[in-house]
Amino acid sequence: MMEIGRYATLNELAAAEKINSSYVSRLLRLTLLAPGLVEAFLGGRQPVGMTLPALMDGVERERQKIRAHVGVLRVNIKWRQRRHLGVAETCVA
């Protein structure tokens, strides 16, 4: 619906479907799954124990890990840049 221009924002889509915009956002992330996995889900051939809620929680946990890792990288890069410039203090992102 968003790709054809029917709704301009997640909030518009959520309001039209009468669901929470946060839930719409989490569902849209699932569009990034590998096509084979999507086909397995649609055909009822997903691995035992793999459910949509579990998958959505897993995606969010991985995002948080990546954000934490990127945050650490940013701190290290800024610290190195400042050290290179002769500034002894550390910088937090």
N, C-alpha and C. Protein backbone atom coordinates (compact mmCIF):
# COMPACT_ATOMS: atom_id res chain seq x y z
N MET A 1 0.81 -1.19 0.00
CA MET A 1 0.00 0.00 0.00
C MET A 1 0.85 1.26 0.00
N MET A 2 1.96 1.20 0.72
CA MET A 2 2.84 2.38 0.72
C MET A 2 3.59 2.47 -0.59
N GLU A 3 3.97 1.33 -1.15
CA GLU A 3 4.77 1.36 -2.37
C GLU A 3 4.00 1.90 -3.57
N ILE A 4 2.68 1.82 -3.56
CA ILE A 4 1.91 2.37 -4.68
C ILE A 4 1.43 3.80 -4.38
N GLY A 5 1.83 4.32 -3.22
CA GLY A 5 1.51 5.70 -2.89
C GLY A 5 0.17 5.92 -2.24
N ARG A 6 -0.47 4.85 -1.81
CA ARG A 6 -1.78 5.02 -1.18
C ARG A 6 -1.65 5.71 0.18
N TYR A 7 -0.60 5.39 0.91
CA TYR A 7 -0.33 6.02 2.20
C TYR A 7 1.08 6.59 2.17
N ALA A 8 1.22 7.79 2.67
CA ALA A 8 2.53 8.45 2.64
C ALA A 8 3.39 8.09 3.85
N THR A 9 2.76 7.72 4.96
CA THR A 9 3.52 7.45 6.18
C THR A 9 3.03 6.17 6.85
N LEU A 10 3.84 5.68 7.77
CA LEU A 10 3.44 4.53 8.57
C LEU A 10 2.21 4.85 9.41
N ASN A 11 2.16 6.07 9.92
CA ASN A 11 1.02 6.47 10.74
C ASN A 11 -0.28 6.45 9.95
N GLU A 12 -0.23 6.89 8.70
CA GLU A 12 -1.43 6.86 7.87
C GLU A 12 -1.88 5.41 7.62
N LEU A 13 -0.92 4.55 7.32
CA LEU A 13 -1.23 3.14 7.09
C LEU A 13 -1.81 2.50 8.34
N ALA A 14 -1.19 2.77 9.49
CA ALA A 14 -1.66 2.20 10.76
C ALA A 14 -3.08 2.68 11.07
N ALA A 15 -3.35 3.96 10.86
CA ALA A 15 -4.69 4.49 11.13
C ALA A 15 -5.72 3.85 10.22
N ALA A 16 -5.39 3.68 8.95
CA ALA A 16 -6.32 3.09 7.99
C ALA A 16 -6.62 1.63 8.34
N GLU A 17 -5.61 0.92 8.85
CA GLU A 17 -5.78 -0.49 9.20
C GLU A 17 -6.21 -0.69 10.65
N LYS A 18 -6.31 0.43 11.37
CA LYS A 18 -6.70 0.42 12.78
C LYS A 18 -5.78 -0.45 13.64
N ILE A 19 -4.48 -0.27 13.43
CA ILE A 19 -3.48 -0.95 14.24
C ILE A 19 -2.41 0.04 14.66
N ASN A 20 -1.64 -0.33 15.65
CA ASN A 20 -0.59 0.53 16.20
C ASN A 20 0.51 0.76 15.18
N SER A 21 1.00 1.99 15.07
CA SER A 21 2.06 2.30 14.10
C SER A 21 3.36 1.57 14.43
N SER A 22 3.61 1.31 15.70
CA SER A 22 4.80 0.56 16.09
C SER A 22 4.74 -0.86 15.53
N TYR A 23 3.55 -1.46 15.57
CA TYR A 23 3.37 -2.82 15.04
C TYR A 23 3.57 -2.82 13.52
N VAL A 24 3.06 -1.81 12.85
CA VAL A 24 3.24 -1.69 11.40
C VAL A 24 4.73 -1.60 11.08
N SER A 25 5.45 -0.82 11.85
CA SER A 25 6.89 -0.67 11.64
C SER A 25 7.60 -2.01 11.80
N ARG A 26 7.24 -2.77 12.83
CA ARG A 26 7.88 -4.07 13.03
C ARG A 26 7.52 -5.04 11.91
N LEU A 27 6.28 -4.99 11.44
CA LEU A 27 5.88 -5.87 10.34
C LEU A 27 6.62 -5.53 9.05
N LEU A 28 6.81 -4.25 8.80
CA LEU A 28 7.50 -3.85 7.58
C LEU A 28 8.95 -4.32 7.56
N ARG A 29 9.56 -4.46 8.73
CA ARG A 29 10.93 -4.99 8.78
C ARG A 29 11.00 -6.41 8.25
N LEU A 30 9.90 -7.14 8.39
CA LEU A 30 9.87 -8.52 7.93
C LEU A 30 9.95 -8.62 6.41
N THR A 31 9.70 -7.52 5.72
CA THR A 31 9.81 -7.54 4.26
C THR A 31 11.26 -7.71 3.82
N LEU A 32 12.19 -7.56 4.75
CA LEU A 32 13.61 -7.70 4.44
C LEU A 32 14.11 -9.14 4.60
N LEU A 33 13.23 -10.04 5.00
CA LEU A 33 13.62 -11.45 5.14
C LEU A 33 13.92 -12.08 3.79
N ALA A 34 14.73 -13.10 3.83
CA ALA A 34 15.05 -13.84 2.61
C ALA A 34 13.77 -14.42 2.01
N PRO A 35 13.62 -14.35 0.68
CA PRO A 35 12.42 -14.86 0.03
C PRO A 35 12.11 -16.33 0.37
N GLY A 36 13.14 -17.15 0.49
CA GLY A 36 12.92 -18.56 0.82
C GLY A 36 12.28 -18.74 2.18
N LEU A 37 12.67 -17.89 3.13
CA LEU A 37 12.08 -17.96 4.47
C LEU A 37 10.63 -17.52 4.43
N VAL A 38 10.35 -16.47 3.68
CA VAL A 38 8.96 -16.01 3.54
C VAL A 38 8.10 -17.10 2.92
N GLU A 39 8.60 -17.74 1.86
CA GLU A 39 7.86 -18.82 1.21
C GLU A 39 7.63 -19.98 2.17
N ALA A 40 8.62 -20.30 2.99
CA ALA A 40 8.46 -21.39 3.97
C ALA A 40 7.35 -21.04 4.96
N PHE A 41 7.34 -19.80 5.44
CA PHE A 41 6.29 -19.38 6.38
C PHE A 41 4.91 -19.47 5.72
N LEU A 42 4.81 -18.94 4.51
CA LEU A 42 3.52 -18.93 3.83
C LEU A 42 3.04 -20.34 3.52
N GLY A 43 3.97 -21.25 3.29
CA GLY A 43 3.61 -22.64 3.01
C GLY A 43 3.54 -23.52 4.24
N GLY A 44 3.73 -22.92 5.42
CA GLY A 44 3.66 -23.69 6.66
C GLY A 44 4.85 -24.60 6.86
N ARG A 45 5.98 -24.28 6.23
CA ARG A 45 7.17 -25.14 6.31
C ARG A 45 8.29 -24.50 7.12
N GLN A 46 7.97 -23.55 7.98
CA GLN A 46 9.00 -22.91 8.78
C GLN A 46 9.53 -23.91 9.81
N PRO A 47 10.75 -23.68 10.29
CA PRO A 47 11.31 -24.57 11.30
C PRO A 47 10.44 -24.65 12.55
N VAL A 48 10.48 -25.78 13.22
CA VAL A 48 9.69 -25.97 14.44
C VAL A 48 10.07 -24.92 15.46
N GLY A 49 9.07 -24.30 16.06
CA GLY A 49 9.31 -23.29 17.08
C GLY A 49 9.49 -21.89 16.52
N MET A 50 9.62 -21.75 15.21
CA MET A 50 9.78 -20.42 14.63
C MET A 50 8.39 -19.87 14.33
N THR A 51 8.04 -18.86 15.11
CA THR A 51 6.74 -18.21 14.95
C THR A 51 6.97 -16.76 14.58
N LEU A 52 5.94 -16.11 14.08
CA LEU A 52 6.06 -14.71 13.71
C LEU A 52 6.47 -13.84 14.91
N PRO A 53 5.82 -13.99 16.07
CA PRO A 53 6.26 -13.18 17.22
C PRO A 53 7.71 -13.45 17.61
N ALA A 54 8.13 -14.71 17.58
CA ALA A 54 9.51 -15.04 17.94
C ALA A 54 10.48 -14.42 16.93
N LEU A 55 10.12 -14.49 15.68
CA LEU A 55 10.97 -13.92 14.64
C LEU A 55 11.06 -12.41 14.79
N MET A 56 9.95 -11.76 15.07
CA MET A 56 9.95 -10.31 15.25
C MET A 56 10.79 -9.91 16.46
N ASP A 57 10.70 -10.68 17.54
CA ASP A 57 11.52 -10.39 18.72
C ASP A 57 13.00 -10.58 18.39
N GLY A 58 13.31 -11.62 17.63
CA GLY A 58 14.69 -11.88 17.25
C GLY A 58 15.26 -10.77 16.39
N VAL A 59 14.47 -10.26 15.48
CA VAL A 59 14.91 -9.16 14.62
C VAL A 59 15.22 -7.93 15.48
N GLU A 60 14.38 -7.65 16.44
CA GLU A 60 14.60 -6.48 17.30
C GLU A 60 15.84 -6.67 18.16
N ARG A 61 16.05 -7.87 18.70
CA ARG A 61 17.26 -8.12 19.50
C ARG A 61 18.52 -7.93 18.67
N GLU A 62 18.50 -8.42 17.43
CA GLU A 62 19.66 -8.26 16.55
C GLU A 62 19.90 -6.79 16.23
N ARG A 63 18.84 -6.04 16.02
CA ARG A 63 18.98 -4.60 15.76
C ARG A 63 19.64 -3.91 16.94
N GLN A 64 19.22 -4.28 18.15
CA GLN A 64 19.80 -3.67 19.35
C GLN A 64 21.27 -4.02 19.48
N LYS A 65 21.64 -5.27 19.16
CA LYS A 65 23.05 -5.67 19.21
C LYS A 65 23.87 -4.84 18.21
N ILE A 66 23.32 -4.68 17.02
CA ILE A 66 24.03 -3.92 15.98
C ILE A 66 24.18 -2.47 16.42
N ARG A 67 23.10 -1.89 16.96
CA ARG A 67 23.19 -0.51 17.43
C ARG A 67 24.24 -0.36 18.52
N ALA A 68 24.27 -1.31 19.45
CA ALA A 68 25.26 -1.25 20.52
C ALA A 68 26.67 -1.36 19.94
N HIS A 69 26.85 -2.25 19.00
CA HIS A 69 28.17 -2.43 18.38
C HIS A 69 28.59 -1.18 17.61
N VAL A 70 27.67 -0.61 16.87
CA VAL A 70 27.97 0.60 16.11
C VAL A 70 28.28 1.74 17.06
N GLY A 71 27.57 1.81 18.17
CA GLY A 71 27.85 2.84 19.17
C GLY A 71 29.26 2.71 19.72
N VAL A 72 29.69 1.49 19.98
CA VAL A 72 31.06 1.25 20.46
C VAL A 72 32.05 1.67 19.39
N LEU A 73 31.78 1.33 18.15
CA LEU A 73 32.67 1.72 17.06
C LEU A 73 32.78 3.24 16.96
N ARG A 74 31.65 3.93 17.10
CA ARG A 74 31.67 5.40 17.03
C ARG A 74 32.53 5.98 18.14
N VAL A 75 32.39 5.44 19.36
CA VAL A 75 33.18 5.93 20.48
C VAL A 75 34.66 5.70 20.19
N ASN A 76 35.02 4.51 19.73
CA ASN A 76 36.42 4.20 19.44
C ASN A 76 36.98 5.10 18.35
N ILE A 77 36.21 5.31 17.30
CA ILE A 77 36.67 6.16 16.20
C ILE A 77 36.88 7.59 16.68
N LYS A 78 35.91 8.12 17.43
CA LYS A 78 36.04 9.49 17.93
C LYS A 78 37.22 9.60 18.88
N TRP A 79 37.42 8.59 19.72
CA TRP A 79 38.55 8.61 20.66
C TRP A 79 39.86 8.62 19.89
N ARG A 80 39.96 7.79 18.87
CA ARG A 80 41.19 7.73 18.08
C ARG A 80 41.43 9.05 17.34
N GLN A 81 40.35 9.64 16.81
CA GLN A 81 40.50 10.91 16.11
C GLN A 81 41.00 11.98 17.07
N ARG A 82 40.44 12.01 18.25
CA ARG A 82 40.85 13.03 19.22
C ARG A 82 42.27 12.77 19.70
N ARG A 83 42.61 11.49 19.88
CA ARG A 83 43.96 11.14 20.31
C ARG A 83 44.97 11.57 19.25
N HIS A 84 44.59 11.35 18.00
CA HIS A 84 45.46 11.74 16.89
C HIS A 84 45.69 13.26 16.88
N LEU A 85 44.68 14.00 17.30
CA LEU A 85 44.78 15.45 17.33
C LEU A 85 45.46 15.95 18.61
N GLY A 86 45.81 15.02 19.51
CA GLY A 86 46.49 15.40 20.74
C GLY A 86 45.56 15.70 21.90
N VAL A 87 44.29 15.36 21.76
CA VAL A 87 43.32 15.59 22.84
C VAL A 87 43.26 14.30 23.65
N ALA A 88 43.50 14.38 24.96
CA ALA A 88 43.60 13.19 25.79
C ALA A 88 42.26 12.67 26.27
N GLU A 89 41.23 13.48 26.25
CA GLU A 89 39.95 13.03 26.81
C GLU A 89 39.23 12.11 25.85
N THR A 90 38.36 11.27 26.40
CA THR A 90 37.57 10.37 25.56
C THR A 90 36.26 11.05 25.21
N CYS A 91 35.65 10.56 24.16
CA CYS A 91 34.41 11.14 23.67
C CYS A 91 33.36 10.04 23.59
N VAL A 92 32.19 10.29 24.12
CA VAL A 92 31.10 9.31 24.09
C VAL A 92 30.11 9.75 23.03
N ALA A 93 29.70 8.77 22.17
CA ALA A 93 28.75 9.07 21.08
C ALA A 93 27.37 9.34 21.62
